Amino acid sequence: MSESELLTRIGEVQFVCVELNLYLDTHPADAAARTDYLSYSGLLAQLISEYEREYGPLMGFGHSQAEEGCWVCSKWPWEKR
């Protein structure tokens, strides 16, 4: 999967996770929605891990592990076209 395809897929799965989370706020007993949320959140973690292995960290401030200097050595997101 190319970098842009992977970023697009991450955005799609993040959207699903947010929507399911909002739904579960008002329907906490919905077991099927909870199962879907856990499935999609696992997929999201997997996609983010894949992206970070290939292209570097997505988030700073301790949310993504990065080797020292990784931010400086990689292109900025707007330069990656």
Protein backbone atom coordinates (compact mmCIF):
# COMPACT_ATOMS: atom_id res chain seq x y z
CA MET A 1 0.00 0.00 0.00
CA SER A 2 1.40 3.43 -0.90
CA GLU A 3 1.82 6.15 1.70
CA SER A 4 -1.19 8.14 0.51
CA GLU A 5 -3.37 5.00 0.35
CA LEU A 6 -2.32 4.07 3.87
CA LEU A 7 -3.07 7.57 5.19
CA THR A 8 -6.48 7.47 3.50
CA ARG A 9 -7.25 4.08 5.04
CA ILE A 10 -6.14 5.34 8.48
CA GLY A 11 -8.50 8.31 8.12
CA GLU A 12 -11.39 6.05 7.14
CA VAL A 13 -10.88 3.70 10.06
CA GLN A 14 -10.45 6.63 12.48
CA PHE A 15 -13.80 7.98 11.29
CA VAL A 16 -15.49 4.63 11.94
CA CYS A 17 -13.93 4.46 15.42
CA VAL A 18 -15.13 7.95 16.33
CA GLU A 19 -18.65 7.26 15.08
CA LEU A 20 -18.86 3.95 16.92
CA ASN A 21 -17.52 5.60 20.07
CA LEU A 22 -20.21 8.29 19.87
CA TYR A 23 -22.89 5.66 19.29
CA LEU A 24 -21.68 3.63 22.27
CA ASP A 25 -21.91 6.73 24.46
CA THR A 26 -25.68 6.62 24.01
CA HIS A 27 -26.10 2.84 23.50
CA PRO A 28 -23.64 1.23 25.93
CA ALA A 29 -25.45 -2.12 25.98
CA ASP A 30 -25.15 -2.70 22.21
CA ALA A 31 -22.83 -5.72 22.13
CA ALA A 32 -22.53 -5.77 18.33
CA ALA A 33 -21.42 -2.13 18.23
CA ARG A 34 -18.90 -2.79 21.02
CA THR A 35 -17.51 -5.76 19.06
CA ASP A 36 -17.24 -3.61 15.93
CA TYR A 37 -15.52 -0.84 17.89
CA LEU A 38 -12.94 -3.23 19.32
CA SER A 39 -12.33 -4.71 15.88
CA TYR A 40 -11.89 -1.34 14.18
CA SER A 41 -9.74 0.08 16.97
CA GLY A 42 -7.43 -2.94 16.63
CA LEU A 43 -7.29 -2.41 12.87
CA LEU A 44 -6.50 1.28 13.43
CA ALA A 45 -3.61 0.44 15.74
CA GLN A 46 -2.30 -2.02 13.17
CA LEU A 47 -2.51 0.51 10.32
CA ILE A 48 -0.80 3.23 12.37
CA SER A 49 1.96 0.81 13.34
CA GLU A 50 2.44 -0.15 9.69
CA TYR A 51 2.57 3.50 8.63
CA GLU A 52 5.08 4.42 11.33
CA ARG A 53 7.33 1.46 10.43
CA GLU A 54 7.42 2.55 6.80
CA TYR A 55 7.17 6.35 6.88
CA GLY A 56 7.86 7.64 10.40
CA PRO A 57 5.72 8.90 13.27
CA LEU A 58 2.25 10.35 12.73
CA MET A 59 2.02 12.22 16.05
CA GLY A 60 4.45 13.91 18.38
CA PHE A 61 4.45 14.62 22.10
CA GLY A 62 5.01 10.99 23.08
CA HIS A 63 2.07 9.55 21.13
CA SER A 64 4.33 7.90 18.57
CA GLN A 65 7.64 6.26 19.20
CA ALA A 66 10.42 7.67 17.04
CA GLU A 67 14.12 7.25 16.84
CA GLU A 68 16.16 10.32 17.73
CA GLY A 69 16.30 12.72 14.78
CA CYS A 70 13.50 10.98 12.90
CA TRP A 71 11.44 14.18 12.66
CA VAL A 72 14.34 16.13 11.23
CA CYS A 73 15.37 13.49 8.68
CA SER A 74 11.95 12.85 7.18
CA LYS A 75 9.95 15.11 4.91
CA TRP A 76 7.14 17.22 6.34
CA PRO A 77 3.63 15.93 5.51
CA TRP A 78 3.04 18.65 2.90
CA GLU A 79 6.33 17.74 1.17
CA LYS A 80 5.35 14.08 0.71
CA ARG A 81 3.66 14.36 -2.64
